[in-house]
N, C-alpha and C. Protein backbone atom coordinates (compact mmCIF):
# COMPACT_ATOMS: atom_id res chain seq x y z
N MET A 1 12.28 -31.78 116.85
CA MET A 1 13.03 -32.96 116.55
C MET A 1 13.90 -33.29 117.77
N TYR A 2 14.06 -34.59 117.98
CA TYR A 2 14.85 -35.07 119.10
C TYR A 2 15.91 -36.03 118.59
N ILE A 3 17.08 -35.97 119.19
CA ILE A 3 18.20 -36.79 118.71
C ILE A 3 18.84 -37.58 119.84
N LYS A 4 19.60 -38.56 119.42
CA LYS A 4 20.50 -39.30 120.30
C LYS A 4 21.88 -39.17 119.68
N ARG A 5 22.87 -38.89 120.48
CA ARG A 5 24.23 -38.74 119.98
C ARG A 5 25.04 -40.00 120.28
N ASN A 6 26.03 -40.27 119.42
CA ASN A 6 26.94 -41.38 119.69
C ASN A 6 28.08 -40.89 120.58
N LYS A 7 29.04 -41.75 120.85
CA LYS A 7 30.15 -41.40 121.76
C LYS A 7 30.99 -40.25 121.22
N ALA A 8 31.02 -40.09 119.90
CA ALA A 8 31.79 -39.01 119.29
C ALA A 8 31.02 -37.68 119.30
N GLY A 9 29.78 -37.72 119.79
CA GLY A 9 28.99 -36.49 119.85
C GLY A 9 28.19 -36.21 118.58
N GLU A 10 28.24 -37.14 117.64
CA GLU A 10 27.50 -36.96 116.38
C GLU A 10 26.09 -37.52 116.53
N ILE A 11 25.18 -37.01 115.74
CA ILE A 11 23.81 -37.51 115.78
C ILE A 11 23.81 -38.96 115.32
N ASP A 12 23.17 -39.80 116.12
CA ASP A 12 23.11 -41.22 115.84
C ASP A 12 21.69 -41.67 115.50
N GLN A 13 20.71 -41.03 116.14
CA GLN A 13 19.30 -41.33 115.90
C GLN A 13 18.50 -40.04 115.89
N LEU A 14 17.35 -40.10 115.25
CA LEU A 14 16.48 -38.93 115.12
C LEU A 14 15.04 -39.36 115.32
N SER A 15 14.27 -38.52 116.00
CA SER A 15 12.86 -38.80 116.22
C SER A 15 12.09 -37.49 116.21
N ARG A 16 10.86 -37.55 115.76
CA ARG A 16 10.02 -36.35 115.78
C ARG A 16 9.52 -36.04 117.18
N VAL A 17 9.46 -37.05 118.00
CA VAL A 17 8.99 -36.89 119.39
C VAL A 17 10.07 -37.41 120.33
N ALA A 18 10.02 -36.95 121.57
CA ALA A 18 10.98 -37.43 122.56
C ALA A 18 10.71 -38.90 122.86
N THR A 19 11.77 -39.69 122.88
CA THR A 19 11.67 -41.10 123.21
C THR A 19 12.69 -41.40 124.30
N ASP A 20 12.72 -42.65 124.77
CA ASP A 20 13.70 -43.02 125.79
C ASP A 20 15.12 -42.78 125.28
N GLU A 21 15.35 -43.03 123.98
CA GLU A 21 16.70 -42.88 123.42
C GLU A 21 16.96 -41.47 122.88
N CYS A 22 15.96 -40.85 122.31
CA CYS A 22 16.13 -39.52 121.70
C CYS A 22 15.48 -38.48 122.60
N GLN A 23 16.29 -37.85 123.44
CA GLN A 23 15.75 -36.88 124.39
C GLN A 23 16.29 -35.47 124.19
N GLU A 24 17.38 -35.35 123.44
CA GLU A 24 17.95 -34.02 123.21
C GLU A 24 17.20 -33.35 122.06
N GLN A 25 16.65 -32.18 122.33
CA GLN A 25 15.92 -31.46 121.31
C GLN A 25 16.89 -30.71 120.41
N ILE A 26 16.57 -30.67 119.11
CA ILE A 26 17.42 -29.97 118.14
C ILE A 26 16.53 -29.20 117.18
N ASP A 27 16.99 -28.04 116.77
CA ASP A 27 16.25 -27.20 115.83
C ASP A 27 16.27 -27.84 114.44
N VAL A 28 15.15 -27.78 113.74
CA VAL A 28 15.08 -28.42 112.42
C VAL A 28 16.02 -27.76 111.41
N ASP A 29 16.47 -26.55 111.68
CA ASP A 29 17.39 -25.86 110.77
C ASP A 29 18.85 -26.04 111.15
N ALA A 30 19.12 -26.85 112.17
CA ALA A 30 20.49 -27.05 112.64
C ALA A 30 21.34 -27.71 111.54
N SER A 31 22.55 -27.19 111.35
CA SER A 31 23.43 -27.75 110.31
C SER A 31 23.79 -29.19 110.61
N GLU A 32 23.87 -29.55 111.89
CA GLU A 32 24.15 -30.94 112.27
C GLU A 32 23.08 -31.87 111.72
N LEU A 33 21.85 -31.40 111.76
CA LEU A 33 20.74 -32.21 111.26
C LEU A 33 20.83 -32.37 109.75
N ASP A 34 21.24 -31.32 109.07
CA ASP A 34 21.44 -31.40 107.62
C ASP A 34 22.49 -32.46 107.28
N VAL A 35 23.58 -32.48 108.05
CA VAL A 35 24.63 -33.47 107.82
C VAL A 35 24.10 -34.88 108.04
N PHE A 36 23.38 -35.07 109.13
CA PHE A 36 22.83 -36.39 109.45
C PHE A 36 21.87 -36.86 108.37
N LEU A 37 21.06 -35.96 107.84
CA LEU A 37 20.06 -36.32 106.82
C LEU A 37 20.62 -36.32 105.41
N GLY A 38 21.91 -36.03 105.27
CA GLY A 38 22.52 -36.04 103.95
C GLY A 38 22.31 -34.77 103.17
N ARG A 39 21.92 -33.72 103.86
CA ARG A 39 21.73 -32.42 103.21
C ARG A 39 22.87 -31.51 103.65
N GLU A 40 24.08 -32.03 103.57
CA GLU A 40 25.25 -31.35 104.13
C GLU A 40 25.39 -29.91 103.68
N ASP A 41 25.20 -29.69 102.41
CA ASP A 41 25.43 -28.35 101.90
C ASP A 41 24.25 -27.93 101.04
N SER A 42 23.13 -27.65 101.67
CA SER A 42 21.93 -27.32 100.92
C SER A 42 22.11 -26.04 100.11
N GLU A 43 22.92 -25.11 100.59
CA GLU A 43 23.18 -23.88 99.83
C GLU A 43 23.94 -24.21 98.55
N SER A 44 24.89 -25.11 98.64
CA SER A 44 25.64 -25.53 97.47
C SER A 44 24.73 -26.24 96.47
N GLU A 45 23.83 -27.06 96.98
CA GLU A 45 22.87 -27.75 96.11
C GLU A 45 21.98 -26.75 95.39
N ALA A 46 21.55 -25.72 96.09
CA ALA A 46 20.69 -24.70 95.49
C ALA A 46 21.44 -23.95 94.39
N ARG A 47 22.71 -23.63 94.66
CA ARG A 47 23.52 -22.94 93.64
C ARG A 47 23.72 -23.82 92.42
N LEU A 48 23.94 -25.12 92.66
CA LEU A 48 24.11 -26.05 91.55
C LEU A 48 22.83 -26.15 90.72
N ALA A 49 21.69 -26.22 91.38
CA ALA A 49 20.41 -26.29 90.67
C ALA A 49 20.19 -25.03 89.85
N GLN A 50 20.52 -23.87 90.42
CA GLN A 50 20.38 -22.60 89.69
C GLN A 50 21.32 -22.58 88.49
N SER A 51 22.53 -23.09 88.67
CA SER A 51 23.48 -23.16 87.58
C SER A 51 22.97 -24.07 86.46
N ASP A 52 22.35 -25.18 86.85
CA ASP A 52 21.77 -26.09 85.87
C ASP A 52 20.73 -25.39 85.01
N LEU A 53 19.90 -24.57 85.64
CA LEU A 53 18.87 -23.84 84.88
C LEU A 53 19.51 -22.89 83.88
N GLY A 54 20.57 -22.22 84.30
CA GLY A 54 21.27 -21.32 83.39
C GLY A 54 21.91 -22.07 82.24
N LEU A 55 22.46 -23.24 82.55
CA LEU A 55 23.10 -24.05 81.52
C LEU A 55 22.08 -24.56 80.51
N VAL A 56 20.89 -24.86 80.96
CA VAL A 56 19.83 -25.30 80.04
C VAL A 56 19.60 -24.22 78.98
N ARG A 57 19.55 -22.98 79.41
CA ARG A 57 19.33 -21.88 78.45
C ARG A 57 20.50 -21.76 77.48
N VAL A 58 21.72 -21.95 77.97
CA VAL A 58 22.91 -21.91 77.11
C VAL A 58 22.80 -23.01 76.04
N ILE A 59 22.42 -24.19 76.46
CA ILE A 59 22.30 -25.31 75.52
C ILE A 59 21.21 -25.03 74.49
N GLU A 60 20.09 -24.48 74.93
CA GLU A 60 19.03 -24.11 73.99
C GLU A 60 19.55 -23.12 72.95
N ASP A 61 20.25 -22.10 73.42
CA ASP A 61 20.80 -21.10 72.50
C ASP A 61 21.81 -21.72 71.54
N LEU A 62 22.63 -22.64 72.05
CA LEU A 62 23.61 -23.32 71.22
C LEU A 62 22.93 -24.13 70.12
N VAL A 63 21.88 -24.85 70.48
CA VAL A 63 21.13 -25.64 69.48
C VAL A 63 20.55 -24.70 68.43
N ASP A 64 20.00 -23.57 68.86
CA ASP A 64 19.45 -22.59 67.91
C ASP A 64 20.51 -22.10 66.93
N VAL A 65 21.71 -21.79 67.43
CA VAL A 65 22.80 -21.31 66.57
C VAL A 65 23.21 -22.39 65.58
N LEU A 66 23.35 -23.61 66.04
CA LEU A 66 23.73 -24.71 65.16
C LEU A 66 22.70 -24.92 64.05
N ILE A 67 21.43 -24.80 64.41
CA ILE A 67 20.36 -24.95 63.40
C ILE A 67 20.39 -23.78 62.42
N GLU A 68 20.53 -22.55 62.93
CA GLU A 68 20.57 -21.36 62.07
C GLU A 68 21.72 -21.42 61.08
N ARG A 69 22.85 -21.98 61.50
CA ARG A 69 24.03 -22.07 60.62
C ARG A 69 24.03 -23.34 59.78
N ASN A 70 22.92 -24.06 59.82
CA ASN A 70 22.76 -25.30 59.05
C ASN A 70 23.83 -26.34 59.36
N LEU A 71 24.31 -26.35 60.61
CA LEU A 71 25.27 -27.36 61.01
C LEU A 71 24.56 -28.63 61.48
N ILE A 72 23.35 -28.45 61.97
CA ILE A 72 22.48 -29.59 62.28
C ILE A 72 21.07 -29.21 61.86
N SER A 73 20.27 -30.21 61.71
CA SER A 73 18.86 -29.99 61.41
C SER A 73 18.07 -30.31 62.67
N PHE A 74 16.98 -29.60 62.87
CA PHE A 74 16.14 -29.87 64.03
C PHE A 74 15.70 -31.33 64.05
N THR A 75 15.46 -31.89 62.89
CA THR A 75 15.03 -33.29 62.81
C THR A 75 16.15 -34.27 63.10
N ASP A 76 17.41 -33.80 63.13
CA ASP A 76 18.52 -34.67 63.52
C ASP A 76 18.49 -34.99 65.01
N LEU A 77 17.83 -34.15 65.78
CA LEU A 77 17.75 -34.35 67.23
C LEU A 77 16.79 -35.49 67.56
N PRO A 78 17.04 -36.19 68.64
CA PRO A 78 16.09 -37.23 69.06
C PRO A 78 14.72 -36.62 69.34
N GLU A 79 13.69 -37.40 69.15
CA GLU A 79 12.33 -36.90 69.31
C GLU A 79 12.10 -36.29 70.70
N ALA A 80 12.61 -36.94 71.72
CA ALA A 80 12.43 -36.43 73.09
C ALA A 80 13.07 -35.04 73.23
N ALA A 81 14.23 -34.85 72.64
CA ALA A 81 14.91 -33.55 72.70
C ALA A 81 14.11 -32.50 71.94
N ARG A 82 13.59 -32.86 70.77
CA ARG A 82 12.77 -31.93 69.99
C ARG A 82 11.54 -31.49 70.78
N GLU A 83 10.88 -32.46 71.42
CA GLU A 83 9.68 -32.14 72.19
C GLU A 83 10.00 -31.19 73.34
N LYS A 84 11.09 -31.45 74.03
CA LYS A 84 11.47 -30.59 75.16
C LYS A 84 11.82 -29.19 74.69
N LEU A 85 12.56 -29.10 73.61
CA LEU A 85 12.92 -27.79 73.08
C LEU A 85 11.68 -27.02 72.63
N MET A 86 10.76 -27.71 71.97
CA MET A 86 9.54 -27.04 71.51
C MET A 86 8.67 -26.60 72.69
N THR A 87 8.59 -27.43 73.71
CA THR A 87 7.81 -27.07 74.90
C THR A 87 8.39 -25.83 75.56
N ARG A 88 9.71 -25.81 75.73
CA ARG A 88 10.36 -24.66 76.37
C ARG A 88 10.20 -23.41 75.51
N GLN A 89 10.31 -23.56 74.20
CA GLN A 89 10.15 -22.42 73.31
C GLN A 89 8.72 -21.86 73.41
N THR A 90 7.74 -22.73 73.45
CA THR A 90 6.35 -22.30 73.58
C THR A 90 6.12 -21.59 74.91
N LEU A 91 6.63 -22.17 75.98
CA LEU A 91 6.47 -21.54 77.30
C LEU A 91 7.14 -20.17 77.35
N ARG A 92 8.32 -20.07 76.76
CA ARG A 92 9.04 -18.79 76.76
C ARG A 92 8.27 -17.76 75.95
N GLN A 93 7.71 -18.16 74.80
CA GLN A 93 6.93 -17.23 73.97
C GLN A 93 5.69 -16.75 74.72
N GLN A 94 5.03 -17.67 75.42
CA GLN A 94 3.85 -17.28 76.20
C GLN A 94 4.24 -16.29 77.29
N ARG A 95 5.32 -16.56 77.98
CA ARG A 95 5.76 -15.65 79.04
C ARG A 95 6.12 -14.29 78.47
N ASN A 96 6.81 -14.28 77.35
CA ASN A 96 7.20 -13.01 76.73
C ASN A 96 5.99 -12.24 76.25
N SER A 97 4.99 -12.92 75.71
CA SER A 97 3.81 -12.20 75.24
C SER A 97 3.03 -11.63 76.41
N VAL A 98 3.00 -12.31 77.54
CA VAL A 98 2.36 -11.77 78.74
C VAL A 98 3.11 -10.54 79.21
N SER A 99 4.44 -10.59 79.17
CA SER A 99 5.24 -9.44 79.58
C SER A 99 4.97 -8.25 78.67
N LEU A 100 4.88 -8.50 77.37
CA LEU A 100 4.61 -7.42 76.43
C LEU A 100 3.23 -6.83 76.66
N LEU A 101 2.25 -7.67 76.94
CA LEU A 101 0.90 -7.18 77.21
C LEU A 101 0.88 -6.31 78.46
N SER A 102 1.56 -6.71 79.49
CA SER A 102 1.57 -5.92 80.72
C SER A 102 2.30 -4.60 80.49
N GLU A 103 3.34 -4.60 79.66
CA GLU A 103 4.03 -3.36 79.36
C GLU A 103 3.13 -2.42 78.57
N GLN A 104 2.33 -2.98 77.62
CA GLN A 104 1.41 -2.16 76.85
C GLN A 104 0.34 -1.56 77.75
N ASP A 105 -0.15 -2.34 78.70
CA ASP A 105 -1.15 -1.85 79.65
C ASP A 105 -0.59 -0.67 80.44
N GLU A 106 0.67 -0.79 80.86
CA GLU A 106 1.30 0.30 81.62
C GLU A 106 1.42 1.56 80.75
N GLU A 107 1.80 1.37 79.47
CA GLU A 107 1.97 2.52 78.58
C GLU A 107 0.62 3.19 78.32
N GLU A 108 -0.44 2.38 78.16
CA GLU A 108 -1.77 2.95 77.89
C GLU A 108 -2.32 3.70 79.08
N SER A 109 -1.93 3.30 80.28
CA SER A 109 -2.46 3.98 81.47
C SER A 109 -1.71 5.27 81.76
N ILE A 110 -0.61 5.51 81.06
CA ILE A 110 0.17 6.74 81.30
C ILE A 110 -0.43 7.91 80.58
């Protein structure tokens, strides 16, 4: 990647190849490049995405508790929410059954 800097020394232009204006080479992993491209804190974004995944599981568990305690009915949820919950439940069951099968295989080979 090649860049052109403004008077303040910040990246002003970016090019994949050297041009008349963009002649300074920069590493694609440079933090300056992340800032210029709007990826200022990619580590923070990754942590936020991971947190979102954990929160999804918390919400699923919360919905399960509310249904078990008869505080809401599964049919009270919007259809899109029901479909997503059922899909995730099916995927989790499939993953768990695969894990159990692999554990049984290990036990049988002992």
